[in-house]
Amino acid sequence: MTGQSGAKESEVGPTILVRPYSFALLNLPEIRQIG
């Protein structure tokens, strides 16, 4: 586990940073309709 944690973090790191943006982009149409 510890040996592969580095490789997993390198892949999960970017996803954690991108998820909030992608999630917001997907909800933009809904937010605009409500607004």
Protein backbone atom coordinates (compact mmCIF):
# COMPACT_ATOMS: atom_id res chain seq x y z
CA MET A 1 0.00 0.00 0.00
CA THR A 2 2.65 2.50 1.04
CA GLY A 3 4.74 1.72 -2.06
CA GLN A 4 1.89 2.51 -4.43
CA SER A 5 0.49 5.42 -2.41
CA GLY A 6 2.79 7.82 -4.28
CA ALA A 7 1.48 6.79 -7.69
CA LYS A 8 -2.12 6.88 -6.49
CA GLU A 9 -1.71 10.34 -4.97
CA SER A 10 -0.26 11.67 -8.24
CA GLU A 11 -3.41 10.50 -10.02
CA VAL A 12 -5.92 11.42 -7.31
CA GLY A 13 -4.37 14.84 -6.62
CA PRO A 14 -5.36 16.40 -9.96
CA THR A 15 -8.80 14.79 -9.84
CA ILE A 16 -9.52 16.36 -6.45
CA LEU A 17 -8.61 19.77 -7.89
CA VAL A 18 -10.64 19.24 -11.07
CA ARG A 19 -13.72 17.65 -9.52
CA PRO A 20 -15.05 20.88 -7.93
CA TYR A 21 -14.65 22.74 -11.25
CA SER A 22 -16.22 19.97 -13.35
CA PHE A 23 -19.04 19.61 -10.82
CA ALA A 24 -19.70 23.38 -10.93
CA LEU A 25 -19.66 23.39 -14.74
CA LEU A 26 -22.23 20.58 -14.81
CA ASN A 27 -24.47 22.50 -12.38
CA LEU A 28 -24.08 25.87 -14.13
CA PRO A 29 -27.15 25.35 -16.40
CA GLU A 30 -29.28 24.41 -13.38
CA ILE A 31 -28.04 27.37 -11.35
CA ARG A 32 -28.74 29.75 -14.24
CA GLN A 33 -32.29 28.42 -14.63
CA ILE A 34 -32.98 28.82 -10.90
CA GLY A 35 -31.43 32.30 -10.88
